C-alpha atoms as a PDB file:
ATOM      1  CA  MET A   1     128.657 181.229 140.135  1.00  0.00           C
ATOM      2  CA  ASN A   2     130.306 178.070 141.544  1.00  0.00           C
ATOM      3  CA  CYS A   3     133.932 177.416 141.945  1.00  0.00           C
ATOM      4  CA  LEU A   4     134.154 175.493 138.657  1.00  0.00           C
ATOM      5  CA  SER A   5     132.720 178.200 136.491  1.00  0.00           C
ATOM      6  CA  ALA A   6     135.256 181.029 136.457  1.00  0.00           C
ATOM      7  CA  SER A   7     138.073 181.039 134.036  1.00  0.00           C
ATOM      8  CA  ARG A   8     140.783 183.525 133.179  1.00  0.00           C
ATOM      9  CA  TRP A   9     141.109 181.884 129.779  1.00  0.00           C
ATOM     10  CA  ASN A  10     137.858 183.046 128.318  1.00  0.00           C
ATOM     11  CA  ILE A  11     138.286 184.436 124.773  1.00  0.00           C
ATOM     12  CA  TYR A  12     136.430 187.393 123.092  1.00  0.00           C
ATOM     13  CA  HIS A  13     137.074 189.048 119.786  1.00  0.00           C
ATOM     14  CA  GLU A  14     135.043 191.311 117.519  1.00  0.00           C
ATOM     15  CA  THR A  15     135.784 192.017 113.909  1.00  0.00           C
ATOM     16  CA  GLN A  16     134.129 194.271 111.453  1.00  0.00           C
ATOM     17  CA  ILE A  17     133.676 192.587 108.029  1.00  0.00           C
ATOM     18  CA  ASN A  18     132.819 194.712 104.901  1.00  0.00           C
ATOM     19  CA  ALA A  19     130.108 192.441 103.468  1.00  0.00           C
ATOM     20  CA  PRO A  20     126.429 192.023 104.028  1.00  0.00           C
ATOM     21  CA  ILE A  21     125.386 189.854 107.039  1.00  0.00           C
ATOM     22  CA  SER A  22     123.786 187.238 104.766  1.00  0.00           C
ATOM     23  CA  GLN A  23     127.030 186.656 102.925  1.00  0.00           C
ATOM     24  CA  VAL A  24     129.025 186.281 106.141  1.00  0.00           C
ATOM     25  CA  TRP A  25     126.353 183.877 107.629  1.00  0.00           C
ATOM     26  CA  ALA A  26     126.486 181.832 104.544  1.00  0.00           C
ATOM     27  CA  ALA A  27     130.251 181.336 104.848  1.00  0.00           C
ATOM     28  CA  ILE A  28     130.039 180.432 108.590  1.00  0.00           C
ATOM     29  CA  TYR A  29     126.975 178.201 108.176  1.00  0.00           C
ATOM     30  CA  ASN A  30     128.569 176.164 105.327  1.00  0.00           C
ATOM     31  CA  ILE A  31     130.727 174.072 107.723  1.00  0.00           C
ATOM     32  CA  SER A  32     131.615 171.623 104.987  1.00  0.00           C
ATOM     33  CA  ASN A  33     133.502 174.429 103.262  1.00  0.00           C
ATOM     34  CA  TRP A  34     135.504 176.166 105.905  1.00  0.00           C
ATOM     35  CA  GLU A  35     138.507 176.466 103.475  1.00  0.00           C
ATOM     36  CA  TRP A  36     139.203 179.887 104.998  1.00  0.00           C
ATOM     37  CA  ASN A  37     139.750 178.366 108.482  1.00  0.00           C
ATOM     38  CA  LEU A  38     143.154 176.777 108.959  1.00  0.00           C
ATOM     39  CA  TRP A  39     142.583 176.262 112.740  1.00  0.00           C
ATOM     40  CA  THR A  40     139.185 174.775 113.262  1.00  0.00           C
ATOM     41  CA  LYS A  41     137.036 172.280 111.254  1.00  0.00           C
ATOM     42  CA  LEU A  42     133.561 171.122 112.249  1.00  0.00           C
ATOM     43  CA  GLU A  43     132.527 167.818 110.940  1.00  0.00           C
ATOM     44  CA  ALA A  44     128.863 167.084 111.259  1.00  0.00           C
ATOM     45  CA  SER A  45     125.996 165.960 108.981  1.00  0.00           C
ATOM     46  CA  GLU A  46     124.589 169.520 109.164  1.00  0.00           C
ATOM     47  CA  ALA A  47     124.853 172.671 111.217  1.00  0.00           C
ATOM     48  CA  SER A  48     121.650 172.501 113.174  1.00  0.00           C
ATOM     49  CA  THR A  49     120.771 172.726 116.857  1.00  0.00           C
ATOM     50  CA  GLY A  50     121.268 169.433 118.679  1.00  0.00           C
ATOM     51  CA  THR A  51     123.497 167.841 115.943  1.00  0.00           C
ATOM     52  CA  CYS A  52     126.593 166.200 117.256  1.00  0.00           C
ATOM     53  CA  GLY A  53     129.980 166.093 115.392  1.00  0.00           C
ATOM     54  CA  LYS A  54     133.722 166.093 115.663  1.00  0.00           C
ATOM     55  CA  LEU A  55     135.723 169.357 116.002  1.00  0.00           C
ATOM     56  CA  LEU A  56     139.163 169.275 114.471  1.00  0.00           C
ATOM     57  CA  ALA A  57     141.634 171.841 116.062  1.00  0.00           C
ATOM     58  CA  SER A  58     144.978 172.630 114.453  1.00  0.00           C
ATOM     59  CA  TYR A  59     146.669 174.895 116.981  1.00  0.00           C
ATOM     60  CA  GLU A  60     149.458 175.861 114.462  1.00  0.00           C
ATOM     61  CA  GLY A  61     147.133 175.986 111.427  1.00  0.00           C
ATOM     62  CA  ASP A  62     149.344 173.406 109.738  1.00  0.00           C
ATOM     63  CA  GLY A  63     146.812 170.550 109.039  1.00  0.00           C
ATOM     64  CA  ASN A  64     147.752 168.590 112.165  1.00  0.00           C
ATOM     65  CA  TYR A  65     144.454 168.180 114.022  1.00  0.00           C
ATOM     66  CA  GLU A  66     143.385 167.054 117.521  1.00  0.00           C
ATOM     67  CA  GLU A  67     139.821 165.666 117.474  1.00  0.00           C
ATOM     68  CA  PHE A  68     137.115 166.536 120.024  1.00  0.00           C
ATOM     69  CA  ASP A  69     133.408 165.682 120.260  1.00  0.00           C
ATOM     70  CA  PHE A  70     131.061 168.612 120.112  1.00  0.00           C
ATOM     71  CA  LYS A  71     127.419 169.440 119.956  1.00  0.00           C
ATOM     72  CA  PHE A  72     125.559 172.324 118.325  1.00  0.00           C
ATOM     73  CA  LYS A  73     123.829 174.211 121.207  1.00  0.00           C
ATOM     74  CA  GLU A  74     122.199 176.690 118.852  1.00  0.00           C
ATOM     75  CA  VAL A  75     122.336 177.339 115.166  1.00  0.00           C
ATOM     76  CA  ASN A  76     119.915 180.203 114.510  1.00  0.00           C
ATOM     77  CA  PRO A  77     119.820 181.953 111.026  1.00  0.00           C
ATOM     78  CA  ASP A  78     117.340 184.552 112.492  1.00  0.00           C
ATOM     79  CA  THR A  79     119.805 185.781 115.070  1.00  0.00           C
ATOM     80  CA  TYR A  80     122.894 184.758 113.076  1.00  0.00           C
ATOM     81  CA  THR A  81     124.163 182.641 115.893  1.00  0.00           C
ATOM     82  CA  MET A  82     126.191 179.411 115.730  1.00  0.00           C
ATOM     83  CA  ASN A  83     127.040 178.025 119.184  1.00  0.00           C
ATOM     84  CA  TRP A  84     128.722 174.684 119.870  1.00  0.00           C
ATOM     85  CA  TYR A  85     130.173 173.064 123.011  1.00  0.00           C
ATOM     86  CA  GLY A  86     132.089 170.162 124.207  1.00  0.00           C
ATOM     87  CA  SER A  87     132.815 168.858 127.678  1.00  0.00           C
ATOM     88  CA  LEU A  88     134.735 166.179 129.589  1.00  0.00           C
ATOM     89  CA  LEU A  89     133.564 164.326 132.753  1.00  0.00           C
ATOM     90  CA  PHE A  90     130.055 165.908 132.590  1.00  0.00           C
ATOM     91  CA  GLY A  91     131.617 169.347 132.493  1.00  0.00           C
ATOM     92  CA  LEU A  92     133.372 169.028 135.881  1.00  0.00           C
ATOM     93  CA  LEU A  93     136.811 168.736 134.295  1.00  0.00           C
ATOM     94  CA  PHE A  94     136.128 170.915 131.177  1.00  0.00           C
ATOM     95  CA  THR A  95     133.536 172.636 129.091  1.00  0.00           C
ATOM     96  CA  GLY A  96     134.214 174.865 126.168  1.00  0.00           C
ATOM     97  CA  ASP A  97     131.195 176.927 124.972  1.00  0.00           C
ATOM     98  CA  HIS A  98     131.953 178.466 121.573  1.00  0.00           C
ATOM     99  CA  VAL A  99     129.902 181.221 119.894  1.00  0.00           C
ATOM    100  CA  MET A 100     130.074 182.971 116.577  1.00  0.00           C
ATOM    101  CA  ARG A 101     127.380 185.652 116.308  1.00  0.00           C
ATOM    102  CA  LEU A 102     126.816 188.247 113.626  1.00  0.00           C
ATOM    103  CA  GLU A 103     125.211 191.638 113.985  1.00  0.00           C
ATOM    104  CA  GLU A 104     124.415 194.284 111.359  1.00  0.00           C
ATOM    105  CA  GLY A 105     127.251 196.801 111.158  1.00  0.00           C
ATOM    106  CA  SER A 106     126.735 200.564 111.712  1.00  0.00           C
ATOM    107  CA  GLU A 107     127.555 201.258 107.950  1.00  0.00           C
ATOM    108  CA  PRO A 108     125.551 199.704 105.064  1.00  0.00           C
ATOM    109  CA  ASN A 109     126.855 196.220 103.924  1.00  0.00           C
ATOM    110  CA  THR A 110     128.965 195.632 107.017  1.00  0.00           C
ATOM    111  CA  THR A 111     128.757 192.940 109.562  1.00  0.00           C
ATOM    112  CA  ASN A 112     130.126 192.695 113.146  1.00  0.00           C
ATOM    113  CA  LEU A 113     131.451 189.266 113.970  1.00  0.00           C
ATOM    114  CA  ILE A 114     131.339 188.569 117.729  1.00  0.00           C
ATOM    115  CA  HIS A 115     133.397 185.464 118.443  1.00  0.00           C
ATOM    116  CA  PHE A 116     134.010 184.057 121.854  1.00  0.00           C
ATOM    117  CA  GLU A 117     134.425 180.928 123.980  1.00  0.00           C
ATOM    118  CA  ASN A 118     133.895 180.596 127.669  1.00  0.00           C
ATOM    119  CA  PHE A 119     135.774 177.784 129.390  1.00  0.00           C
ATOM    120  CA  THR A 120     134.510 176.268 132.723  1.00  0.00           C
ATOM    121  CA  GLY A 121     135.646 173.332 134.804  1.00  0.00           C
ATOM    122  CA  LEU A 122     138.682 172.375 136.763  1.00  0.00           C
ATOM    123  CA  ALA A 123     141.149 172.162 133.918  1.00  0.00           C
ATOM    124  CA  PRO A 124     140.754 175.789 132.710  1.00  0.00           C
ATOM    125  CA  ILE A 125     140.765 177.119 136.303  1.00  0.00           C
ATOM    126  CA  LEU A 126     144.250 175.416 136.710  1.00  0.00           C
ATOM    127  CA  GLY A 127     145.284 176.528 133.195  1.00  0.00           C
ATOM    128  CA  GLU A 128     145.458 172.920 132.029  1.00  0.00           C
ATOM    129  CA  GLY A 129     143.896 171.047 129.157  1.00  0.00           C
ATOM    130  CA  LEU A 130     144.402 173.376 126.206  1.00  0.00           C
ATOM    131  CA  PRO A 131     146.905 175.966 124.957  1.00  0.00           C
ATOM    132  CA  TYR A 132     144.550 178.856 125.802  1.00  0.00           C
ATOM    133  CA  GLU A 133     146.865 181.702 124.793  1.00  0.00           C
ATOM    134  CA  LYS A 134     147.387 180.041 121.431  1.00  0.00           C
ATOM    135  CA  LEU A 135     143.564 179.634 121.084  1.00  0.00           C
ATOM    136  CA  ASP A 136     143.148 183.259 121.800  1.00  0.00           C
ATOM    137  CA  GLU A 137     145.521 184.154 118.878  1.00  0.00           C
ATOM    138  CA  ASN A 138     143.929 181.642 116.640  1.00  0.00           C
ATOM    139  CA  TYR A 139     140.403 182.938 117.177  1.00  0.00           C
ATOM    140  CA  LEU A 140     141.497 186.308 116.017  1.00  0.00           C
ATOM    141  CA  MET A 141     143.316 184.885 113.006  1.00  0.00           C
ATOM    142  CA  MET A 142     140.079 182.907 112.213  1.00  0.00           C
ATOM    143  CA  ASN A 143     138.162 186.258 112.241  1.00  0.00           C
ATOM    144  CA  GLU A 144     140.667 187.888 110.041  1.00  0.00           C
ATOM    145  CA  ALA A 145     140.746 184.876 107.643  1.00  0.00           C
ATOM    146  CA  LEU A 146     136.872 184.799 107.524  1.00  0.00           C
ATOM    147  CA  LYS A 147     136.958 188.610 106.817  1.00  0.00           C
ATOM    148  CA  GLU A 148     139.411 188.238 103.976  1.00  0.00           C
ATOM    149  CA  TYR A 149     137.580 185.279 102.564  1.00  0.00           C
ATOM    150  CA  VAL A 150     134.117 186.971 102.489  1.00  0.00           C
ATOM    151  CA  GLU A 151     135.372 190.389 101.402  1.00  0.00           C
ATOM    152  CA  ASN A 152     137.233 188.848  98.457  1.00  0.00           C
ATOM    153  CA  GLU A 153     134.513 186.308  97.595  1.00  0.00           C
ATOM    154  CA  ASN A 154     133.168 188.260  94.664  1.00  0.00           C
END
């Protein structure tokens, strides 16, 4: 690990959703219909590995967005993984590597959502660039909003 890779601001949340994994994946994969998500929108032609797009971040969930470039690093329906990242100054200043991964729950028709982001670069080390504590709260609220959306879909 080099000096620009460690960050105290990395985010990690797990949420159990009472719905089949295929139903949860469908909600995540359909990026053009993230109506459940007030905090993050992904604008891209499709959710597929290598596709670039714009990430819209609303820190207050109020429809006021900041725009960032991103690229899908992995979109894999076999492992139920959606991973995207963005960086500044070739990653030296900042890289955010964001993952939403699903696993079968221990009970029938339940899904574990594993949702995390690792931040690297000079800005996160210094605590600069993003409101990291707010993002941590927002990612948990995203999980809970997705849970409510999927569980009440039918």
